[in-house]
Protein backbone atom coordinates (compact mmCIF):
# COMPACT_ATOMS: atom_id res chain seq x y z
CA MET A 1 -0.15 0.25 -0.26
CA ASN A 2 1.62 3.76 -1.53
CA ASP A 3 1.79 6.22 1.57
CA LYS A 4 -1.10 8.13 0.46
CA ALA A 5 -3.44 4.95 0.13
CA ARG A 6 -2.54 4.77 3.18
CA ASP A 7 -2.80 8.09 4.60
CA VAL A 8 -6.60 7.98 3.50
CA LYS A 9 -6.84 4.86 5.29
CA ASN A 10 -6.34 6.68 8.23
CA ALA A 11 -7.70 9.36 7.52
CA GLU A 12 -11.74 7.23 6.83
CA SER A 13 -10.47 5.02 10.26
CA LEU A 14 -10.75 8.57 11.99
CA LEU A 15 -13.56 9.85 10.52
CA LEU A 16 -15.02 6.54 11.33
CA ALA A 17 -14.61 6.45 15.17
CA LEU A 18 -14.90 10.51 15.40
CA SER A 19 -18.58 9.92 13.71
CA GLY A 20 -18.87 7.19 16.16
CA ASP A 21 -18.04 9.14 19.85
CA ILE A 22 -20.59 11.78 18.34
CA GLU A 23 -23.11 9.60 17.93
CA LEU A 24 -22.29 8.14 21.54
CA ARG A 25 -22.26 11.50 23.20
CA GLN A 26 -25.37 12.19 21.22
CA SER A 27 -27.10 8.99 22.79
CA ARG A 28 -26.38 9.88 26.31
CA ILE A 29 -27.58 13.31 26.29
CA ARG A 30 -30.07 14.17 28.54
CA LYS A 31 -30.01 10.63 30.27
CA ALA A 32 -28.92 10.19 33.84
CA GLY A 33 -24.63 8.51 34.09
CA SER A 34 -21.27 9.64 34.91
CA TRP A 35 -21.44 12.27 31.98
CA CYS A 36 -22.69 15.60 31.78
CA PHE A 37 -26.83 15.23 31.33
CA PHE A 38 -26.69 17.46 28.67
CA CYS A 39 -24.05 17.40 27.16
CA ALA A 40 -22.15 14.42 27.89
CA ASP A 41 -18.55 15.48 28.61
CA ASP A 42 -17.62 13.40 31.55
CA TYR A 43 -14.51 16.05 33.56
CA SER A 44 -16.12 17.86 36.30
CA LEU A 45 -19.58 16.82 36.85
CA ALA A 46 -20.99 18.36 40.55
CA ARG A 47 -24.92 19.25 40.58
CA CYS A 48 -26.02 22.40 38.81
CA GLY A 49 -27.00 25.02 41.79
CA CYS A 50 -28.48 27.40 38.64
CA SER A 51 -31.17 29.51 40.12
CA MET A 52 -34.00 27.28 38.34
CA PRO A 53 -33.16 23.65 38.95
CA GLU A 54 -36.25 22.43 37.96
CA SER A 55 -37.47 24.58 34.62
CA LEU A 56 -33.91 24.16 33.51
CA GLY A 57 -34.51 20.04 34.18
CA CYS A 58 -31.20 20.05 35.80
CA HIS A 59 -32.35 19.46 39.28
CA GLY A 60 -30.80 16.17 40.60
CA GLN A 61 -28.85 15.84 37.10
CA ARG A 62 -25.49 15.86 37.73
CA VAL A 63 -23.94 18.65 34.63
CA CYS A 64 -20.98 19.98 33.52
CA SER A 65 -19.49 24.03 34.41
CA ASP A 66 -19.54 24.98 31.35
CA CYS A 67 -22.95 23.58 31.70
CA ALA A 68 -23.11 25.27 35.14
CA ASN A 69 -22.40 28.37 34.18
CA ALA A 70 -24.77 28.43 31.10
CA HIS A 71 -27.36 27.39 33.04
CA ARG A 72 -26.44 30.99 35.33
CA ALA A 73 -26.62 32.70 33.10
CA ILE A 74 -29.95 31.48 31.41
CA ALA A 75 -31.40 30.85 34.38
CA GLY A 76 -30.94 34.83 35.34
CA HIS A 77 -32.09 35.86 31.75
CA LEU A 78 -35.47 33.95 32.54
CA ARG A 79 -35.80 35.43 35.98
CA LYS A 80 -35.73 38.60 34.98
CA MET A 81 -37.73 37.77 31.24
CA PHE A 82 -40.33 37.23 34.69
CA ALA A 83 -39.73 39.92 37.33
CA ALA A 84 -40.81 42.58 34.38
CA PRO A 85 -44.08 44.07 34.21
CA ARG A 86 -46.56 42.83 31.52
CA VAL A 87 -46.62 46.09 29.69
CA ASP A 88 -48.31 46.55 26.22
CA ARG A 89 -45.47 48.82 24.70
CA VAL A 90 -43.14 48.80 22.08
CA SER A 91 -40.48 49.75 25.16
CA SER A 92 -41.51 46.27 27.46
CA VAL A 93 -38.53 45.73 29.49
CA ARG A 94 -39.94 41.45 29.16
CA ALA A 95 -40.87 41.55 25.87
CA LYS A 96 -37.30 42.92 25.24
CA LEU A 97 -35.86 39.89 26.65
CA HIS A 98 -38.39 37.33 25.88
CA ARG A 99 -37.15 38.88 22.09
CA GLN A 100 -33.48 38.08 23.23
CA LEU A 101 -34.20 35.11 23.79
CA PHE A 102 -35.88 33.86 21.29
CA GLY A 103 -33.31 35.06 18.76
CA ALA A 104 -30.81 32.56 20.45
CA ALA A 105 -32.92 30.12 20.14
CA GLU A 106 -34.09 30.48 16.71
CA GLU A 107 -29.52 31.49 15.39
CA LEU A 108 -29.94 27.80 17.31
CA SER A 109 -32.29 25.97 15.65
CA ASP A 110 -30.75 22.84 13.73
CA ALA A 111 -32.08 22.42 10.01
CA GLY A 112 -32.47 19.00 10.69
CA THR A 113 -34.45 19.48 13.31
CA PRO A 114 -38.64 19.93 12.37
CA LEU A 115 -39.65 23.52 12.93
CA GLU A 116 -42.24 21.98 15.96
CA LYS A 117 -40.10 20.86 18.23
CA THR A 118 -37.63 23.36 18.18
CA LEU A 119 -36.97 25.63 21.15
CA HIS A 120 -38.50 28.65 19.36
CA HIS A 121 -41.02 26.80 18.27
CA PHE A 122 -42.30 26.66 21.99
CA LEU A 123 -41.31 30.12 23.12
CA ALA A 124 -43.35 31.55 19.75
CA GLN A 125 -46.43 30.34 22.31
CA ALA A 126 -45.28 33.19 24.84
CA ASP A 127 -47.25 36.40 24.14
CA PRO A 128 -44.56 39.14 26.81
CA TYR A 129 -47.87 41.27 26.55
CA ASP A 130 -51.26 39.93 26.87
CA ASP A 131 -49.75 36.51 28.85
CA GLU A 132 -50.42 36.65 32.69
CA LYS A 133 -47.29 35.72 35.08
CA PRO A 134 -48.36 32.49 35.67
CA HIS A 135 -49.24 31.63 32.41
CA PHE A 136 -45.94 33.50 30.66
CA LYS A 137 -43.27 32.43 32.69
CA GLY A 138 -45.27 28.48 32.67
CA THR A 139 -45.22 28.78 28.66
CA VAL A 140 -41.60 29.60 28.67
CA VAL A 141 -40.53 27.20 31.43
CA ASP A 142 -42.71 24.55 29.62
CA ALA A 143 -40.69 25.57 26.22
CA PHE A 144 -37.46 23.94 27.23
CA GLU A 145 -38.78 20.31 28.30
CA GLN A 146 -41.33 20.12 25.06
CA SER A 147 -38.39 20.51 23.08
CA LYS A 148 -36.04 18.48 25.05
CA PHE A 149 -33.64 21.23 24.86
CA SER A 150 -29.77 20.28 25.39
CA ASP A 151 -27.88 22.98 23.66
CA PHE A 152 -27.58 25.88 27.07
CA GLN A 153 -24.02 26.17 25.56
CA GLY A 154 -24.96 27.61 22.22
CA LEU A 155 -28.19 29.20 24.12
CA ALA A 156 -25.85 30.72 26.51
CA ARG A 157 -23.35 32.13 23.55
CA GLU A 158 -26.33 33.38 21.27
CA LEU A 159 -28.78 35.56 24.30
CA ALA A 160 -25.23 36.82 25.14
CA ARG A 161 -24.77 38.06 21.44
CA GLU A 162 -28.37 39.28 20.78
CA ILE A 163 -27.55 40.70 24.21
CA ASP A 164 -24.69 42.80 23.32
CA SER A 165 -26.57 43.97 20.35
CA ASP A 166 -29.11 45.85 21.41
CA LEU A 167 -27.23 47.38 23.03
CA VAL A 168 -25.20 48.10 20.17
CA ASN A 169 -27.61 49.37 18.18
CA LYS A 170 -29.10 51.55 21.20
CA ALA A 171 -25.16 53.50 21.77
CA MET A 172 -26.08 53.24 17.43
CA ARG A 173 -29.55 55.01 18.48
CA TRP A 174 -27.78 57.14 21.23
CA ILE A 175 -25.06 58.48 19.41
CA SER A 176 -27.41 59.40 16.25
CA CYS A 177 -30.02 61.53 18.45
CA ALA A 178 -26.19 63.59 20.10
CA PHE A 179 -25.73 65.02 16.22
């Protein structure tokens, strides 16, 4: 066998091994075991410690530190959103926070997942302007369970981008008004 054929064979073997590892990790997500409940990593596991363990599905589960940090960020955002009053105006804090969460979830949508099974589809069922607090909170919290959502690290990254984008837009509006 020549060097080129051996390199191709080695590359194919590596790809097969990686795909097997990816499939194994995918099969472990949202299942209890000696790995992270959400991302299936198996290092530095502990209890999550976020402020919404029942709502985000981490109660009693072992998670990695990256997922725990992401949970804290998402839980903080949800708490602010749920604490904001329901108002029917464009500058509604609750609507802004919901829009940021929805936008982050929409960015994470996988083309292979049917729309009706995605987090952003279920988040769209919540109306930040009209829903009473208990109904709004229930709909948003249920969205995570109904979609069997597990990519909290990705959601936290996208949420941070959405928040940063809103801050940039706000700064640009302020600058344009100043001149």
